[in-house]
C-alpha cells in the first residue's frame, strides 16, 4: 500500500499536466494501473476472483 501522504499528494491538481499520477483507488498503487476500472493489477485480480467486477470472467484453456 502507498503511504497516505503519497496518495494525498496525487489527489491534488498538479502544476503541469504531465505530472499527473494515476493511482488505484483501493490501495493507492501507481504501477500497472488499469484505467478502465481504475484499479491496479493486484486489486483487479482480487475483485475479479471474488466475482465483484461485472463482465470479467476467469480465463481457462
PDB file of N, CA and C in Angstrom:
ATOM      1  N   UNK A   1       0.834  -1.184   0.000  1.00  0.00           N
ATOM      2  CA  UNK A   1       0.000   0.000   0.000  1.00  0.00           C
ATOM      3  C   UNK A   1       0.879   1.247   0.000  1.00  0.00           C
ATOM      4  N   UNK A   2       0.394   2.251  -0.698  1.00  0.00           N
ATOM      5  CA  UNK A   2       1.099   3.521  -0.740  1.00  0.00           C
ATOM      6  C   UNK A   2       0.867   4.297   0.553  1.00  0.00           C
ATOM      7  N   UNK A   3       1.845   5.163   0.883  1.00  0.00           N
ATOM      8  CA  UNK A   3       1.709   5.991   2.065  1.00  0.00           C
ATOM      9  C   UNK A   3       0.548   6.966   1.896  1.00  0.00           C
ATOM     10  N   UNK A   4      -0.061   7.330   2.982  1.00  0.00           N
ATOM     11  CA  UNK A   4      -1.189   8.255   2.948  1.00  0.00           C
ATOM     12  C   UNK A   4      -0.795   9.596   2.356  1.00  0.00           C
ATOM     13  N   UNK A   5       0.418  10.054   2.667  1.00  0.00           N
ATOM     14  CA  UNK A   5       0.872  11.333   2.134  1.00  0.00           C
ATOM     15  C   UNK A   5       1.056  11.275   0.618  1.00  0.00           C
ATOM     16  N   UNK A   6       1.502  10.140   0.108  1.00  0.00           N
ATOM     17  CA  UNK A   6       1.680   9.974  -1.335  1.00  0.00           C
ATOM     18  C   UNK A   6       0.333   9.986  -2.044  1.00  0.00           C
ATOM     19  N   UNK A   7      -0.656   9.338  -1.458  1.00  0.00           N
ATOM     20  CA  UNK A   7      -1.995   9.307  -2.047  1.00  0.00           C
ATOM     21  C   UNK A   7      -2.601  10.705  -2.037  1.00  0.00           C
ATOM     22  N   UNK A   8      -2.437  11.427  -0.925  1.00  0.00           N
ATOM     23  CA  UNK A   8      -2.972  12.780  -0.814  1.00  0.00           C
ATOM     24  C   UNK A   8      -2.310  13.708  -1.823  1.00  0.00           C
ATOM     25  N   UNK A   9      -1.003  13.555  -2.037  1.00  0.00           N
ATOM     26  CA  UNK A   9      -0.288  14.389  -2.998  1.00  0.00           C
ATOM     27  C   UNK A   9      -0.761  14.118  -4.429  1.00  0.00           C
ATOM     28  N   UNK A  10      -1.064  12.859  -4.737  1.00  0.00           N
ATOM     29  CA  UNK A  10      -1.504  12.530  -6.096  1.00  0.00           C
ATOM     30  C   UNK A  10      -2.939  12.991  -6.352  1.00  0.00           C
ATOM     31  N   UNK A  11      -3.726  13.205  -5.295  1.00  0.00           N
ATOM     32  CA  UNK A  11      -5.099  13.675  -5.467  1.00  0.00           C
ATOM     33  C   UNK A  11      -5.168  15.163  -5.770  1.00  0.00           C
ATOM     34  N   UNK A  12      -4.119  15.910  -5.404  1.00  0.00           N
ATOM     35  CA  UNK A  12      -4.094  17.344  -5.680  1.00  0.00           C
ATOM     36  C   UNK A  12      -3.885  17.594  -7.170  1.00  0.00           C
ATOM     37  N   UNK A  13      -4.369  18.738  -7.644  1.00  0.00           N
ATOM     38  CA  UNK A  13      -4.191  19.094  -9.051  1.00  0.00           C
ATOM     39  C   UNK A  13      -2.727  19.452  -9.281  1.00  0.00           C
ATOM     40  N   UNK A  14      -2.055  18.797 -10.243  1.00  0.00           N
ATOM     41  CA  UNK A  14      -0.642  19.084 -10.462  1.00  0.00           C
ATOM     42  C   UNK A  14      -0.432  20.418 -11.169  1.00  0.00           C
ATOM     43  N   UNK A  15       0.771  20.966 -10.983  1.00  0.00           N
ATOM     44  CA  UNK A  15       1.128  22.229 -11.614  1.00  0.00           C
ATOM     45  C   UNK A  15       1.169  22.071 -13.133  1.00  0.00           C
ATOM     46  N   UNK A  16       1.667  20.936 -13.599  1.00  0.00           N
ATOM     47  CA  UNK A  16       1.733  20.624 -15.027  1.00  0.00           C
ATOM     48  C   UNK A  16       0.994  19.315 -15.275  1.00  0.00           C
ATOM     49  N   UNK A  17       0.338  19.199 -16.412  1.00  0.00           N
ATOM     50  CA  UNK A  17      -0.489  18.014 -16.686  1.00  0.00           C
ATOM     51  C   UNK A  17       0.355  16.747 -16.818  1.00  0.00           C
ATOM     52  N   UNK A  18       1.627  16.870 -17.172  1.00  0.00           N
ATOM     53  CA  UNK A  18       2.471  15.689 -17.318  1.00  0.00           C
ATOM     54  C   UNK A  18       2.854  15.079 -15.967  1.00  0.00           C
ATOM     55  N   UNK A  19       2.600  15.788 -14.884  1.00  0.00           N
ATOM     56  CA  UNK A  19       2.920  15.276 -13.548  1.00  0.00           C
ATOM     57  C   UNK A  19       1.785  14.458 -12.941  1.00  0.00           C
ATOM     58  N   UNK A  20       0.688  14.306 -13.646  1.00  0.00           N
ATOM     59  CA  UNK A  20      -0.451  13.558 -13.120  1.00  0.00           C
ATOM     60  C   UNK A  20      -0.074  12.092 -12.942  1.00  0.00           C
ATOM     61  N   UNK A  21      -0.424  11.535 -11.797  1.00  0.00           N
ATOM     62  CA  UNK A  21      -0.116  10.144 -11.491  1.00  0.00           C
ATOM     63  C   UNK A  21      -1.425   9.400 -11.308  1.00  0.00           C
ATOM     64  N   UNK A  22      -1.619   8.358 -12.084  1.00  0.00           N
ATOM     65  CA  UNK A  22      -2.805   7.518 -11.922  1.00  0.00           C
ATOM     66  C   UNK A  22      -2.535   6.517 -10.809  1.00  0.00           C
ATOM     67  N   UNK A  23      -3.467   6.431  -9.866  1.00  0.00           N
ATOM     68  CA  UNK A  23      -3.319   5.512  -8.752  1.00  0.00           C
ATOM     69  C   UNK A  23      -4.586   4.692  -8.572  1.00  0.00           C
ATOM     70  N   UNK A  24      -4.409   3.478  -8.087  1.00  0.00           N
ATOM     71  CA  UNK A  24      -5.522   2.598  -7.747  1.00  0.00           C
ATOM     72  C   UNK A  24      -6.339   3.254  -6.639  1.00  0.00           C
ATOM     73  N   UNK A  25      -7.653   3.305  -6.809  1.00  0.00           N
ATOM     74  CA  UNK A  25      -8.480   3.968  -5.793  1.00  0.00           C
ATOM     75  C   UNK A  25      -8.609   3.125  -4.533  1.00  0.00           C
ATOM     76  N   UNK A  26      -8.321   1.844  -4.633  1.00  0.00           N
ATOM     77  CA  UNK A  26      -8.474   0.966  -3.480  1.00  0.00           C
ATOM     78  C   UNK A  26      -7.219   0.951  -2.594  1.00  0.00           C
ATOM     79  N   UNK A  27      -6.043   0.807  -3.191  1.00  0.00           N
ATOM     80  CA  UNK A  27      -4.820   0.689  -2.388  1.00  0.00           C
ATOM     81  C   UNK A  27      -3.809   1.800  -2.632  1.00  0.00           C
ATOM     82  N   UNK A  28      -3.947   2.555  -3.706  1.00  0.00           N
ATOM     83  CA  UNK A  28      -3.040   3.663  -3.968  1.00  0.00           C
ATOM     84  C   UNK A  28      -1.822   3.306  -4.789  1.00  0.00           C
ATOM     85  N   UNK A  29      -1.738   2.089  -5.268  1.00  0.00           N
ATOM     86  CA  UNK A  29      -0.588   1.658  -6.062  1.00  0.00           C
ATOM     87  C   UNK A  29      -0.564   2.392  -7.394  1.00  0.00           C
ATOM     88  N   UNK A  30       0.632   2.818  -7.825  1.00  0.00           N
ATOM     89  CA  UNK A  30       0.763   3.590  -9.055  1.00  0.00           C
ATOM     90  C   UNK A  30       1.156   2.720 -10.250  1.00  0.00           C
ATOM     91  N   UNK A  31       1.853   1.638 -10.009  1.00  0.00           N
ATOM     92  CA  UNK A  31       2.326   0.804 -11.116  1.00  0.00           C
ATOM     93  C   UNK A  31       1.254  -0.176 -11.559  1.00  0.00           C
ATOM     94  N   UNK A  32       1.269  -0.480 -12.863  1.00  0.00           N
ATOM     95  CA  UNK A  32       0.314  -1.381 -13.509  1.00  0.00           C
ATOM     96  C   UNK A  32      -1.113  -0.965 -13.208  1.00  0.00           C
ATOM     97  N   UNK A  33      -1.431   0.271 -13.527  1.00  0.00           N
ATOM     98  CA  UNK A  33      -2.757   0.845 -13.321  1.00  0.00           C
ATOM     99  C   UNK A  33      -3.624   0.521 -14.532  1.00  0.00           C
ATOM    100  N   UNK A  34      -4.801  -0.019 -14.322  1.00  0.00           N
ATOM    101  CA  UNK A  34      -5.743  -0.320 -15.398  1.00  0.00           C
ATOM    102  C   UNK A  34      -6.781   0.793 -15.391  1.00  0.00           C
ATOM    103  N   UNK A  35      -6.708   1.669 -16.378  1.00  0.00           N
ATOM    104  CA  UNK A  35      -7.521   2.877 -16.393  1.00  0.00           C
ATOM    105  C   UNK A  35      -9.011   2.631 -16.545  1.00  0.00           C
ATOM    106  N   UNK A  36      -9.368   1.563 -17.231  1.00  0.00           N
ATOM    107  CA  UNK A  36     -10.781   1.297 -17.480  1.00  0.00           C
ATOM    108  C   UNK A  36     -11.548   1.027 -16.186  1.00  0.00           C
ATOM    109  N   UNK A  37     -10.893   0.381 -15.243  1.00  0.00           N
ATOM    110  CA  UNK A  37     -11.537   0.060 -13.965  1.00  0.00           C
ATOM    111  C   UNK A  37     -10.932   0.833 -12.798  1.00  0.00           C
ATOM    112  N   UNK A  38      -9.905   1.631 -13.049  1.00  0.00           N
ATOM    113  CA  UNK A  38      -9.224   2.457 -12.046  1.00  0.00           C
ATOM    114  C   UNK A  38      -8.675   1.624 -10.898  1.00  0.00           C
ATOM    115  N   UNK A  39      -8.081   0.473 -11.235  1.00  0.00           N
ATOM    116  CA  UNK A  39      -7.501  -0.426 -10.247  1.00  0.00           C
ATOM    117  C   UNK A  39      -6.105  -0.845 -10.687  1.00  0.00           C
ATOM    118  N   UNK A  40      -5.294  -1.278  -9.729  1.00  0.00           N
ATOM    119  CA  UNK A  40      -4.010  -1.887 -10.060  1.00  0.00           C
ATOM    120  C   UNK A  40      -4.266  -3.374 -10.346  1.00  0.00           C
ATOM    121  N   UNK A  41      -3.250  -4.042 -10.829  1.00  0.00           N
ATOM    122  CA  UNK A  41      -3.422  -5.446 -11.209  1.00  0.00           C
ATOM    123  C   UNK A  41      -3.733  -6.332 -10.014  1.00  0.00           C
ATOM    124  N   UNK A  42      -3.189  -6.015  -8.853  1.00  0.00           N
ATOM    125  CA  UNK A  42      -3.401  -6.826  -7.654  1.00  0.00           C
ATOM    126  C   UNK A  42      -4.861  -6.756  -7.211  1.00  0.00           C
ATOM    127  N   UNK A  43      -5.378  -5.533  -7.095  1.00  0.00           N
ATOM    128  CA  UNK A  43      -6.774  -5.351  -6.683  1.00  0.00           C
ATOM    129  C   UNK A  43      -7.736  -5.861  -7.748  1.00  0.00           C
ATOM    130  N   UNK A  44      -7.369  -5.673  -9.017  1.00  0.00           N
ATOM    131  CA  UNK A  44      -8.208  -6.162 -10.110  1.00  0.00           C
ATOM    132  C   UNK A  44      -8.374  -7.675 -10.010  1.00  0.00           C
ATOM    133  N   UNK A  45      -7.264  -8.360  -9.773  1.00  0.00           N
ATOM    134  CA  UNK A  45      -7.317  -9.815  -9.686  1.00  0.00           C
ATOM    135  C   UNK A  45      -8.138 -10.279  -8.480  1.00  0.00           C
ATOM    136  N   UNK A  46      -7.957  -9.613  -7.334  1.00  0.00           N
ATOM    137  CA  UNK A  46      -8.725  -9.976  -6.139  1.00  0.00           C
ATOM    138  C   UNK A  46     -10.222  -9.829  -6.372  1.00  0.00           C
ATOM    139  N   UNK A  47     -10.624  -8.675  -6.912  1.00  0.00           N
ATOM    140  CA  UNK A  47     -12.055  -8.426  -7.136  1.00  0.00           C
ATOM    141  C   UNK A  47     -12.622  -9.316  -8.231  1.00  0.00           C
ATOM    142  N   UNK A  48     -11.829  -9.603  -9.265  1.00  0.00           N
ATOM    143  CA  UNK A  48     -12.299 -10.469 -10.346  1.00  0.00           C
ATOM    144  C   UNK A  48     -12.500 -11.897  -9.855  1.00  0.00           C
ATOM    145  N   UNK A  49     -11.590 -12.386  -9.026  1.00  0.00           N
ATOM    146  CA  UNK A  49     -11.722 -13.748  -8.495  1.00  0.00           C
ATOM    147  C   UNK A  49     -12.909 -13.875  -7.543  1.00  0.00           C
ATOM    148  N   UNK A  50     -13.271 -12.783  -6.880  1.00  0.00           N
ATOM    149  CA  UNK A  50     -14.434 -12.798  -5.997  1.00  0.00           C
ATOM    150  C   UNK A  50     -15.732 -12.622  -6.770  1.00  0.00           C
ATOM    151  N   UNK A  51     -15.619 -12.260  -8.053  1.00  0.00           N
ATOM    152  CA  UNK A  51     -16.798 -12.070  -8.883  1.00  0.00           C
ATOM    153  C   UNK A  51     -17.464 -10.722  -8.687  1.00  0.00           C
ATOM    154  N   UNK A  52     -16.719  -9.727  -8.220  1.00  0.00           N
ATOM    155  CA  UNK A  52     -17.294  -8.413  -7.944  1.00  0.00           C
ATOM    156  C   UNK A  52     -17.183  -7.445  -9.127  1.00  0.00           C
ATOM    157  N   UNK A  53     -16.445  -7.814 -10.168  1.00  0.00           N
ATOM    158  CA  UNK A  53     -16.326  -6.958 -11.347  1.00  0.00           C
ATOM    159  C   UNK A  53     -17.226  -7.500 -12.448  1.00  0.00           C
ATOM    160  N   UNK A  54     -18.249  -6.749 -12.849  1.00  0.00           N
ATOM    161  CA  UNK A  54     -19.142  -7.242 -13.892  1.00  0.00           C
ATOM    162  C   UNK A  54     -18.447  -7.312 -15.243  1.00  0.00           C
ATOM    163  N   UNK A  55     -18.696  -8.372 -15.973  1.00  0.00           N
ATOM    164  CA  UNK A  55     -18.134  -8.531 -17.317  1.00  0.00           C
ATOM    165  C   UNK A  55     -16.750  -9.137 -17.344  1.00  0.00           C
ATOM    166  N   UNK A  56     -16.202  -9.504 -16.209  1.00  0.00           N
ATOM    167  CA  UNK A  56     -14.865 -10.099 -16.158  1.00  0.00           C
ATOM    168  C   UNK A  56     -15.030 -11.562 -15.804  1.00  0.00           C
ATOM    169  N   UNK A  57     -14.434 -12.404 -16.632  1.00  0.00           N
ATOM    170  CA  UNK A  57     -14.534 -13.842 -16.419  1.00  0.00           C
ATOM    171  C   UNK A  57     -13.148 -14.429 -16.279  1.00  0.00           C
ATOM    172  N   UNK A  58     -12.978 -15.391 -15.416  1.00  0.00           N
ATOM    173  CA  UNK A  58     -11.689 -16.051 -15.253  1.00  0.00           C
ATOM    174  C   UNK A  58     -11.404 -16.896 -16.483  1.00  0.00           C
ATOM    175  N   UNK A  59     -10.209 -16.715 -17.038  1.00  0.00           N
ATOM    176  CA  UNK A  59      -9.878 -17.433 -18.263  1.00  0.00           C
ATOM    177  C   UNK A  59      -9.428 -18.854 -17.945  1.00  0.00           C
ATOM    178  N   UNK A  60      -9.728 -19.754 -18.848  1.00  0.00           N
ATOM    179  CA  UNK A  60      -9.249 -21.131 -18.746  1.00  0.00           C
ATOM    180  C   UNK A  60      -9.101 -21.680 -20.149  1.00  0.00           C
ATOM    181  N   UNK A  61      -8.055 -22.427 -20.371  1.00  0.00           N
ATOM    182  CA  UNK A  61      -7.841 -23.034 -21.691  1.00  0.00           C
ATOM    183  C   UNK A  61      -7.173 -24.350 -21.557  1.00  0.00           C
TER     184      UNK A  61
END
